[in-house]
Amino acid sequence: MNASSCDKDSFNSLERCYSREVVASPGTSGWPFVGQTLEFLKAGWSGHPEKFIFDNIKKYRSLIFRTHLAGSPAVVFCGAAANKFVFSNENKLVQLWWPKTITKLIPSTSNFEESLKLNKMLHNFLTPKTLEPYIGFLDIIAQRHFASHWDNREQVTVFPLMTNFSLALACRLFINVDDPELVEKLADPLEQVLRGTVSMPIDLPCTRYNCAIKSSRFIINEFTTIVKQRKTDLEQGTYKSPTQDLLSHMLLTGDDNFVKDSNIAEKILGLIIGSDTVGSACSSIVMFLAKLPDVYERVYKEQMEIANLKSLGELLTWNDVNNKMKYSWSVACEAMRLAPPIQGTFREALTDFIYEGFLIPKGLKIYWNANSTHKSAEYFPKPKEFDASRFDGQPVQPYTFVPFGGGPRMCPGKEYARIEILIFMHCLVKRFKWKTMIPSEKLIVDDRFRPEKGLPIRLFPHPKA
């Protein structure tokens, strides 16, 4: 079918242009300008982000419905079959699309070709073979983080510490900078940028979005300085490192698109924003372990079996993380099922196509959401209950557990995220038990899944042997 004579911005005109068998999906465009964005965000703020999805599925009796999100008309795809369709048709029928709130904060994200090249580079860089030499370095940074921010304290607030922790590890991996002062300097601006990614795009003084833009420019300037110095060091042959960091990899193997210093700095910021989702996952793990003492005891037993075999000062190894933390990873997966660090992402239709009898015109935005399968009883019986055994043994049904997306656009840092989470869990449980200071505190979604009050906890250190 050819939709060239149709008004692609109007679902009604599309229905007139096509036969009765092929129609626009059910739904509503919501309010002028904002569409249903506020309704979508309110569901997350309430602690039940899946409510927006399942209310519309029930209302329209359809796993596909139209809406208006992030400033654009969109259609929401739900369920495992929809996930498979989106992931399998990447760069064929659909391609990644970012809302304007993000492209203004990180301009390089609007360049699709550059994004593809960077994604390919990341997949080549963030392999198990590449990451294996980093395990010891990441363990050192994690231990230093706990020594500086957790040890000798009766109480901590977990969520803001996770931004600091994820940022420190990302700086070491991506740009080979191990500088606690730089991490402290960037932590608050990074938080401002993250909060701005889901704000209303109103660039007026003191608005959340305006603060995010200023913070983004500040971080990019800091990274640009680092890029310039690294270029000089590489050209002069003075840069030495026991591991290959991503920045050096980009400078040595990238093409002309990776030459401009500020462009590289923007890409690094984008990567660090992506890696911060691990901090969200770690926060939810801390909350669930506090609420589930039996689960905590099993994780503690597993991690102490590893710790007790270590001599004083001996670091974690690839074998420890990859082969000896099976139950801990099942717990992490169940936490990410209930509180997915990536709620979903947008795609854009590259051409007109038909999905489940509904017309998807070229240019229409498509939103897939992890909660449509993570919270569905069809795929996970008793979906509201925490049950780590779901991930212990037989693999889950394909395209149902998607905390890192899927297909060619699957998060290239998935393996790195696994390592970071498990190192964090190891360092945490071998030091402490804890209890939440706000028993009724809930997990909400703003810029990412987060404890509503930041998750203050009281620490109970284990007796030292």
Protein backbone atom coordinates (compact mmCIF):
# COMPACT_ATOMS: atom_id res chain seq x y z
CA MET A 1 0.00 0.00 0.00
CA ASN A 2 1.10 3.55 -0.66
CA ALA A 3 0.22 6.15 1.94
CA SER A 4 1.68 9.11 0.09
CA SER A 5 -1.73 10.72 -0.40
CA CYS A 6 -2.59 10.46 3.30
CA ASP A 7 -2.06 13.05 5.97
CA LYS A 8 0.42 11.10 8.10
CA ASP A 9 -0.16 13.33 11.12
CA SER A 10 -3.81 12.42 11.31
CA PHE A 11 -5.06 9.01 12.35
CA ASN A 12 -8.55 9.86 11.06
CA SER A 13 -7.34 10.61 7.54
CA LEU A 14 -5.38 7.35 7.56
CA GLU A 15 -8.57 5.44 8.31
CA ARG A 16 -10.20 7.07 5.28
CA CYS A 17 -7.25 6.21 3.02
CA TYR A 18 -7.16 2.50 3.83
CA SER A 19 -9.63 -0.31 3.60
CA ARG A 20 -11.70 -1.38 6.58
CA GLU A 21 -9.36 -4.30 7.20
CA VAL A 22 -6.43 -1.95 7.83
CA VAL A 23 -7.18 0.80 10.33
CA ALA A 24 -5.48 3.11 12.77
CA SER A 25 -4.96 1.62 16.20
CA PRO A 26 -7.42 2.56 18.98
CA GLY A 27 -6.49 5.25 21.44
CA THR A 28 -6.46 8.98 22.03
CA SER A 29 -4.09 11.87 21.49
CA GLY A 30 -4.94 13.38 24.87
CA TRP A 31 -4.55 17.07 25.62
CA PRO A 32 -3.13 19.57 23.10
CA PHE A 33 0.68 19.81 23.20
CA VAL A 34 1.21 17.57 26.26
CA GLY A 35 -0.90 14.66 24.98
CA GLN A 36 -0.92 11.93 27.63
CA THR A 37 2.58 12.66 28.88
CA LEU A 38 1.41 13.85 32.29
CA GLU A 39 -0.87 10.83 32.70
CA PHE A 40 2.07 8.59 31.77
CA LEU A 41 4.39 10.34 34.24
CA LYS A 42 1.81 10.34 37.05
CA ALA A 43 1.57 6.56 36.84
CA GLY A 44 5.31 6.39 37.44
CA TRP A 45 5.20 8.93 40.25
CA SER A 46 2.52 6.83 41.97
CA GLY A 47 4.85 3.82 42.03
CA HIS A 48 2.84 1.91 39.43
CA PRO A 49 4.28 2.80 35.99
CA GLU A 50 2.58 -0.24 34.49
CA LYS A 51 -0.84 1.29 35.27
CA PHE A 52 -0.75 3.53 32.19
CA ILE A 53 0.03 0.52 30.01
CA PHE A 54 -2.46 -1.95 31.43
CA ASP A 55 -5.29 0.58 31.83
CA ASN A 56 -5.09 1.32 28.11
CA ILE A 57 -4.79 -2.36 27.17
CA LYS A 58 -7.96 -3.03 29.15
CA LYS A 59 -9.77 0.06 27.85
CA TYR A 60 -9.12 -0.64 24.18
CA ARG A 61 -8.89 -4.44 24.46
CA SER A 62 -5.75 -4.23 22.40
CA LEU A 63 -2.01 -4.78 22.87
CA ILE A 64 -1.40 -1.79 20.63
CA PHE A 65 -2.84 1.66 21.21
CA ARG A 66 -2.15 5.18 20.04
CA THR A 67 -1.30 8.09 22.30
CA HIS A 68 0.81 11.25 22.41
CA LEU A 69 4.03 11.11 24.45
CA ALA A 70 7.19 13.21 24.72
CA GLY A 71 5.84 15.81 22.32
CA SER A 72 4.92 13.43 19.48
CA PRO A 73 2.04 11.24 18.33
CA ALA A 74 2.97 7.68 19.18
CA VAL A 75 1.71 4.14 19.28
CA VAL A 76 2.48 1.83 22.20
CA PHE A 77 3.42 -1.78 21.44
CA CYS A 78 2.80 -4.25 24.28
CA GLY A 79 3.59 -7.89 24.94
CA ALA A 80 6.29 -10.39 23.99
CA ALA A 81 5.23 -10.56 20.33
CA ALA A 82 5.47 -6.78 20.07
CA ASN A 83 8.91 -6.78 21.69
CA LYS A 84 10.06 -9.42 19.21
CA PHE A 85 8.68 -7.41 16.30
CA VAL A 86 10.38 -4.17 17.36
CA PHE A 87 13.72 -5.77 18.19
CA SER A 88 13.75 -7.94 15.05
CA ASN A 89 12.97 -5.07 12.71
CA GLU A 90 15.59 -2.63 13.99
CA ASN A 91 16.95 -0.55 11.07
CA LYS A 92 14.52 -2.36 8.74
CA LEU A 93 11.06 -1.07 9.63
CA VAL A 94 11.98 0.98 12.71
CA GLN A 95 14.93 2.93 14.05
CA LEU A 96 15.85 4.46 17.40
CA TRP A 97 14.29 7.84 18.17
CA TRP A 98 15.03 10.22 21.03
CA PRO A 99 12.63 12.93 22.30
CA LYS A 100 13.74 16.55 21.97
CA THR A 101 14.35 16.72 25.72
CA ILE A 102 17.29 14.36 25.22
CA THR A 103 18.61 15.58 21.86
CA LYS A 104 18.96 19.10 23.23
CA LEU A 105 20.82 17.86 26.29
CA ILE A 106 23.08 15.62 24.18
CA PRO A 107 23.02 16.95 20.59
CA SER A 108 25.00 14.04 19.13
CA THR A 109 22.08 11.68 19.86
CA SER A 110 20.18 13.28 16.98
CA ASN A 111 22.74 11.96 14.48
CA PHE A 112 21.48 8.49 13.64
CA GLU A 113 24.55 7.37 11.67
CA GLU A 114 26.88 8.38 14.49
CA SER A 115 24.71 6.55 16.99
CA LEU A 116 24.94 3.37 14.93
CA LYS A 117 28.73 3.61 14.73
CA LEU A 118 29.04 4.25 18.46
CA ASN A 119 26.70 1.35 19.26
CA LYS A 120 28.80 -0.98 17.10
CA MET A 121 31.99 0.27 18.75
CA LEU A 122 30.50 -0.34 22.21
CA HIS A 123 29.46 -3.88 21.32
CA ASN A 124 33.04 -4.55 20.24
CA PHE A 125 34.51 -2.91 23.33
CA LEU A 126 32.22 -4.14 26.11
CA THR A 127 32.79 -7.85 25.57
CA PRO A 128 33.55 -10.33 28.36
CA LYS A 129 37.12 -10.65 27.04
CA THR A 130 37.60 -6.86 27.20
CA LEU A 131 35.94 -6.49 30.59
CA GLU A 132 37.73 -9.36 32.31
CA PRO A 133 40.92 -7.35 33.08
CA TYR A 134 38.80 -4.61 34.70
CA ILE A 135 37.32 -6.79 37.46
CA GLY A 136 40.10 -6.02 39.94
CA PHE A 137 40.06 -2.29 39.18
CA LEU A 138 36.28 -2.11 39.62
CA ASP A 139 36.55 -4.05 42.89
CA ILE A 140 39.11 -1.52 44.17
CA ILE A 141 36.84 1.40 43.29
CA ALA A 142 33.86 -0.32 44.92
CA GLN A 143 35.81 -0.98 48.12
CA ARG A 144 36.97 2.63 48.20
CA HIS A 145 33.38 3.79 47.69
CA PHE A 146 32.19 1.80 50.69
CA ALA A 147 35.13 2.93 52.82
CA SER A 148 34.37 6.59 52.01
CA HIS A 149 30.57 6.61 52.07
CA TRP A 150 29.30 3.61 54.09
CA ASP A 151 31.82 2.37 56.65
CA ASN A 152 31.63 3.83 60.17
CA ARG A 153 28.17 5.25 59.53
CA GLU A 154 24.96 4.33 61.30
CA GLN A 155 22.74 5.53 58.47
CA VAL A 156 23.08 6.29 54.75
CA THR A 157 20.71 7.33 51.98
CA VAL A 158 21.24 4.81 49.23
CA PHE A 159 20.01 6.33 45.98
CA PRO A 160 22.27 9.40 45.74
CA LEU A 161 25.23 7.19 46.69
CA MET A 162 24.42 5.01 43.69
CA THR A 163 24.90 7.92 41.30
CA ASN A 164 28.32 8.46 42.84
CA PHE A 165 29.17 4.75 42.65
CA SER A 166 28.07 4.26 39.03
CA LEU A 167 29.80 7.46 37.95
CA ALA A 168 33.10 6.41 39.56
CA LEU A 169 33.07 3.03 37.81
CA ALA A 170 32.03 4.53 34.47
CA CYS A 171 34.81 7.12 34.60
CA ARG A 172 37.36 4.36 35.15
CA LEU A 173 36.02 2.17 32.33
CA PHE A 174 35.15 4.80 29.74
CA ILE A 175 37.85 7.44 30.17
CA ASN A 176 40.40 5.80 32.52
CA VAL A 177 39.99 8.52 35.12
CA ASP A 178 40.12 7.34 38.72
CA ASP A 179 39.58 10.63 40.53
CA PRO A 180 37.14 10.81 43.48
CA GLU A 181 37.24 14.62 43.36
CA LEU A 182 36.08 14.65 39.74
CA VAL A 183 33.29 12.22 40.61
CA GLU A 184 32.09 14.47 43.43
CA LYS A 185 32.29 17.45 41.11
CA LEU A 186 30.15 15.80 38.43
CA ALA A 187 27.67 13.87 40.59
CA ASP A 188 25.16 16.68 41.22
CA PRO A 189 25.26 18.06 37.63
CA LEU A 190 24.73 14.52 36.36
CA GLU A 191 21.68 14.15 38.60
CA GLN A 192 20.32 17.41 37.16
CA VAL A 193 20.80 16.11 33.62
CA LEU A 194 19.09 12.82 34.43
CA ARG A 195 16.10 14.59 35.92
CA GLY A 196 15.88 16.78 32.84
CA THR A 197 15.55 13.87 30.44
CA VAL A 198 11.89 13.37 31.36
CA SER A 199 10.96 16.96 32.16
CA MET A 200 8.69 19.23 30.15
CA PRO A 201 10.94 20.87 27.51
CA ILE A 202 10.51 24.39 28.88
CA ASP A 203 13.84 26.21 28.76
CA LEU A 204 13.13 29.04 31.20
CA PRO A 205 15.28 30.08 34.18
CA CYS A 206 15.01 27.78 37.20
CA THR A 207 12.96 25.12 35.40
CA ARG A 208 14.13 21.52 35.68
CA TYR A 209 14.91 21.46 31.95
CA ASN A 210 16.92 24.69 32.08
CA CYS A 211 18.99 23.35 34.98
CA ALA A 212 19.58 20.15 33.02
CA ILE A 213 20.82 22.05 29.94
CA LYS A 214 23.28 24.08 32.03
CA SER A 215 24.50 20.95 33.81
CA SER A 216 24.90 19.11 30.51
CA ARG A 217 27.09 21.91 29.14
CA PHE A 218 29.17 21.90 32.32
CA ILE A 219 29.82 18.14 32.14
CA ILE A 220 30.56 18.26 28.41
CA ASN A 221 33.11 21.02 29.03
CA GLU A 222 34.78 18.91 31.72
CA PHE A 223 34.96 15.90 29.45
CA THR A 224 36.18 18.02 26.53
CA THR A 225 39.19 19.05 28.61
CA ILE A 226 39.93 15.39 29.32
CA VAL A 227 39.55 14.50 25.61
CA LYS A 228 41.97 17.25 24.54
CA GLN A 229 44.59 16.08 27.03
CA ARG A 230 44.18 12.45 26.02
CA LYS A 231 44.65 13.36 22.36
CA THR A 232 47.88 15.13 23.21
CA ASP A 233 49.12 12.23 25.34
CA LEU A 234 48.36 9.69 22.61
CA GLU A 235 50.04 11.80 19.92
CA GLN A 236 53.15 12.22 22.06
CA GLY A 237 53.19 8.58 23.12
CA THR A 238 53.09 9.47 26.81
CA TYR A 239 49.77 7.75 27.61
CA LYS A 240 50.24 4.40 29.31
CA SER A 241 47.51 2.20 30.77
CA PRO A 242 47.28 -1.49 31.70
CA THR A 243 43.79 -1.60 30.17
CA GLN A 244 42.27 -0.10 27.03
CA ASP A 245 39.64 2.47 27.98
CA LEU A 246 36.83 3.47 25.63
CA LEU A 247 38.04 7.05 25.12
CA SER A 248 41.42 5.91 23.84
CA HIS A 249 39.67 3.25 21.76
CA MET A 250 37.47 5.93 20.16
CA LEU A 251 40.41 8.21 19.43
CA LEU A 252 42.57 5.46 17.97
CA THR A 253 39.96 3.61 15.91
CA GLY A 254 37.22 6.17 15.24
CA ASP A 255 36.67 7.97 11.94
CA ASP A 256 36.14 11.67 11.27
CA ASN A 257 32.88 11.65 13.25
CA PHE A 258 34.91 11.08 16.41
CA VAL A 259 37.47 13.82 15.82
CA LYS A 260 35.71 16.85 17.29
CA ASP A 261 36.49 17.02 21.00
CA SER A 262 33.08 18.25 22.14
CA ASN A 263 31.38 15.58 20.03
CA ILE A 264 33.35 12.86 21.80
CA ALA A 265 32.58 14.49 25.16
CA GLU A 266 28.85 14.37 24.36
CA LYS A 267 29.09 10.68 23.55
CA ILE A 268 30.82 10.00 26.86
CA LEU A 269 28.08 11.87 28.70
CA GLY A 270 25.48 9.75 26.90
CA LEU A 271 27.28 6.58 27.94
CA ILE A 272 27.48 7.68 31.56
CA ILE A 273 23.77 8.52 31.56
CA GLY A 274 23.10 5.02 30.25
CA SER A 275 25.36 3.41 32.84
CA ASP A 276 23.57 5.24 35.66
CA THR A 277 20.59 2.93 35.21
CA VAL A 278 22.70 0.37 37.07
CA GLY A 279 22.55 2.65 40.11
CA SER A 280 18.77 2.44 39.91
CA ALA A 281 18.98 -1.36 39.81
CA CYS A 282 21.34 -1.44 42.81
CA SER A 283 18.97 0.78 44.83
CA SER A 284 16.03 -1.52 44.20
CA ILE A 285 18.16 -4.55 45.14
CA VAL A 286 19.02 -2.90 48.48
CA MET A 287 15.32 -2.27 49.12
CA PHE A 288 14.23 -5.82 48.27
CA LEU A 289 17.01 -7.42 50.35
CA ALA A 290 15.91 -5.32 53.35
CA LYS A 291 12.34 -6.54 52.96
CA LEU A 292 13.22 -10.18 52.29
CA PRO A 293 15.54 -11.55 55.01
CA ASP A 294 15.49 -15.10 53.62
CA VAL A 295 16.68 -13.83 50.25
CA TYR A 296 19.34 -11.72 51.96
CA GLU A 297 20.65 -14.75 53.87
CA ARG A 298 21.07 -16.77 50.69
CA VAL A 299 22.89 -13.91 48.96
CA TYR A 300 25.07 -13.39 52.04
CA LYS A 301 25.96 -17.10 52.20
CA GLU A 302 26.90 -17.16 48.52
CA GLN A 303 29.05 -14.04 48.73
CA MET A 304 30.78 -15.08 51.95
CA GLU A 305 31.75 -18.40 50.39
CA ILE A 306 33.71 -16.31 47.90
CA ALA A 307 35.07 -13.86 50.49
CA ASN A 308 36.25 -16.62 52.86
CA LEU A 309 38.47 -18.09 50.16
CA LYS A 310 40.28 -14.79 49.64
CA SER A 311 43.52 -13.87 51.32
CA LEU A 312 43.90 -10.39 52.80
CA GLY A 313 43.73 -7.81 50.00
CA GLU A 314 42.93 -10.35 47.29
CA LEU A 315 40.52 -8.94 44.70
CA LEU A 316 37.53 -10.43 42.94
CA THR A 317 38.22 -12.27 39.72
CA TRP A 318 36.33 -13.02 36.54
CA ASN A 319 35.71 -16.56 37.79
CA ASP A 320 34.13 -15.19 41.00
CA VAL A 321 31.74 -12.90 39.17
CA ASN A 322 30.98 -15.19 36.25
CA ASN A 323 30.65 -18.56 37.96
CA LYS A 324 30.13 -18.17 41.71
CA MET A 325 27.34 -15.59 42.02
CA LYS A 326 24.46 -17.43 40.34
CA TYR A 327 21.84 -16.87 43.03
CA SER A 328 22.88 -13.25 43.51
CA TRP A 329 22.31 -12.65 39.79
CA SER A 330 18.89 -14.33 39.96
CA VAL A 331 18.00 -11.89 42.75
CA ALA A 332 19.26 -8.97 40.66
CA CYS A 333 17.20 -10.12 37.67
CA GLU A 334 14.03 -10.41 39.73
CA ALA A 335 14.66 -6.91 41.12
CA MET A 336 15.04 -5.61 37.56
CA ARG A 337 11.86 -7.40 36.53
CA LEU A 338 9.89 -5.60 39.22
CA ALA A 339 11.78 -2.31 38.81
CA PRO A 340 13.28 -2.29 35.29
CA PRO A 341 16.13 0.25 35.08
CA ILE A 342 15.05 1.05 31.51
CA GLN A 343 11.29 1.53 31.33
CA GLY A 344 11.23 1.53 27.55
CA THR A 345 12.46 3.46 24.54
CA PHE A 346 11.08 5.00 21.39
CA ARG A 347 11.41 3.93 17.77
CA GLU A 348 10.38 5.69 14.59
CA ALA A 349 8.74 3.94 11.66
CA LEU A 350 11.05 4.01 8.62
CA THR A 351 8.24 3.15 6.22
CA ASP A 352 4.51 2.39 6.21
CA PHE A 353 3.81 -1.08 7.57
CA ILE A 354 0.99 -3.14 9.01
CA TYR A 355 1.20 -4.66 12.49
CA GLU A 356 -1.59 -6.85 13.83
CA GLY A 357 -3.99 -5.37 11.29
CA PHE A 358 -3.16 -1.77 12.25
CA LEU A 359 -1.49 0.76 10.01
CA ILE A 360 1.79 2.23 11.24
CA PRO A 361 2.66 5.13 8.92
CA LYS A 362 6.19 6.26 8.16
CA GLY A 363 7.47 8.70 10.78
CA LEU A 364 5.13 7.60 13.56
CA LYS A 365 6.84 7.12 16.94
CA ILE A 366 6.62 3.68 18.53
CA TYR A 367 7.06 3.12 22.26
CA TRP A 368 7.83 -0.29 23.75
CA ASN A 369 7.73 -0.72 27.50
CA ALA A 370 9.33 -3.40 29.68
CA ASN A 371 6.41 -3.42 32.11
CA SER A 372 4.00 -4.79 29.50
CA THR A 373 5.71 -8.17 29.93
CA HIS A 374 7.55 -7.83 33.28
CA LYS A 375 4.31 -7.18 35.16
CA SER A 376 2.08 -9.50 33.14
CA ALA A 377 0.68 -12.68 34.73
CA GLU A 378 0.71 -14.25 31.26
CA TYR A 379 4.51 -14.41 31.38
CA PHE A 380 5.29 -14.23 35.12
CA PRO A 381 2.72 -15.87 37.44
CA LYS A 382 1.92 -13.75 40.48
CA PRO A 383 3.83 -10.87 38.87
CA LYS A 384 3.76 -8.60 41.93
CA GLU A 385 5.60 -11.12 44.09
CA PHE A 386 9.39 -11.24 44.40
CA ASP A 387 10.53 -14.71 43.35
CA ALA A 388 14.18 -15.09 42.37
CA SER A 389 13.58 -18.72 41.37
CA ARG A 390 12.05 -17.42 38.12
CA PHE A 391 15.63 -16.95 36.94
CA ASP A 392 17.15 -20.02 38.56
CA GLY A 393 17.36 -22.85 36.04
CA GLN A 394 15.22 -22.73 32.92
CA PRO A 395 15.44 -19.50 30.89
CA VAL A 396 12.38 -17.28 30.84
CA GLN A 397 10.21 -17.06 27.73
CA PRO A 398 11.98 -15.07 24.97
CA TYR A 399 11.20 -11.35 24.72
CA THR A 400 9.52 -11.22 28.13
CA PHE A 401 12.44 -10.19 30.37
CA VAL A 402 13.87 -7.12 28.67
CA PRO A 403 15.55 -4.80 31.24
CA PHE A 404 18.27 -4.00 28.68
CA GLY A 405 16.08 -3.94 25.57
CA GLY A 406 16.77 -6.38 22.76
CA GLY A 407 17.92 -6.90 19.20
CA PRO A 408 20.67 -4.76 17.62
CA ARG A 409 19.80 -1.92 20.00
CA MET A 410 20.12 -4.06 23.13
CA CYS A 411 22.13 -2.11 25.68
CA PRO A 412 25.77 -2.84 24.76
CA GLY A 413 26.69 -2.38 28.41
CA LYS A 414 24.59 -5.36 29.57
CA GLU A 415 27.64 -7.42 30.55
CA TYR A 416 29.25 -4.43 32.25
CA ALA A 417 26.02 -3.81 34.17
CA ARG A 418 26.02 -7.41 35.39
CA ILE A 419 29.58 -7.05 36.64
CA GLU A 420 28.90 -3.73 38.36
CA ILE A 421 25.78 -5.01 40.10
CA LEU A 422 27.44 -8.19 41.36
CA ILE A 423 30.55 -6.38 42.62
CA PHE A 424 28.27 -3.96 44.45
CA MET A 425 26.25 -6.79 46.02
CA HIS A 426 29.44 -8.56 47.11
CA CYS A 427 30.90 -5.47 48.79
CA LEU A 428 27.59 -4.60 50.43
CA VAL A 429 26.39 -7.86 51.97
CA LYS A 430 29.77 -8.96 53.29
CA ARG A 431 29.88 -5.69 55.27
CA PHE A 432 26.32 -5.09 56.44
CA LYS A 433 22.83 -6.06 57.25
CA TRP A 434 20.42 -3.12 57.14
CA LYS A 435 16.85 -2.04 57.60
CA THR A 436 14.89 0.68 55.85
CA MET A 437 14.16 3.83 57.82
CA ILE A 438 10.87 4.36 55.97
CA PRO A 439 9.15 0.94 55.89
CA SER A 440 6.38 2.16 53.60
CA GLU A 441 8.74 3.81 51.11
CA LYS A 442 7.86 2.84 47.56
CA LEU A 443 9.74 2.66 44.29
CA ILE A 444 8.58 5.31 41.85
CA VAL A 445 9.55 6.27 38.33
CA ASP A 446 10.74 9.76 37.54
CA ASP A 447 13.80 9.88 35.33
CA ARG A 448 14.38 6.22 36.32
CA PHE A 449 13.11 3.81 38.97
CA ARG A 450 14.07 5.29 42.32
CA PRO A 451 13.05 5.01 45.98
CA GLU A 452 10.61 7.84 46.65
CA LYS A 453 12.64 9.31 49.55
CA GLY A 454 16.08 8.15 48.41
CA LEU A 455 16.04 4.98 50.57
CA PRO A 456 17.56 5.94 53.94
CA ILE A 457 18.72 2.79 55.74
CA ARG A 458 20.25 1.93 59.11
CA LEU A 459 23.43 -0.13 58.84
CA PHE A 460 24.38 -3.06 61.03
CA PRO A 461 28.01 -4.03 60.32
CA HIS A 462 28.93 -7.67 60.46
CA PRO A 463 31.44 -8.51 63.22
CA LYS A 464 34.94 -8.61 61.82
CA ALA A 465 36.64 -11.97 62.06
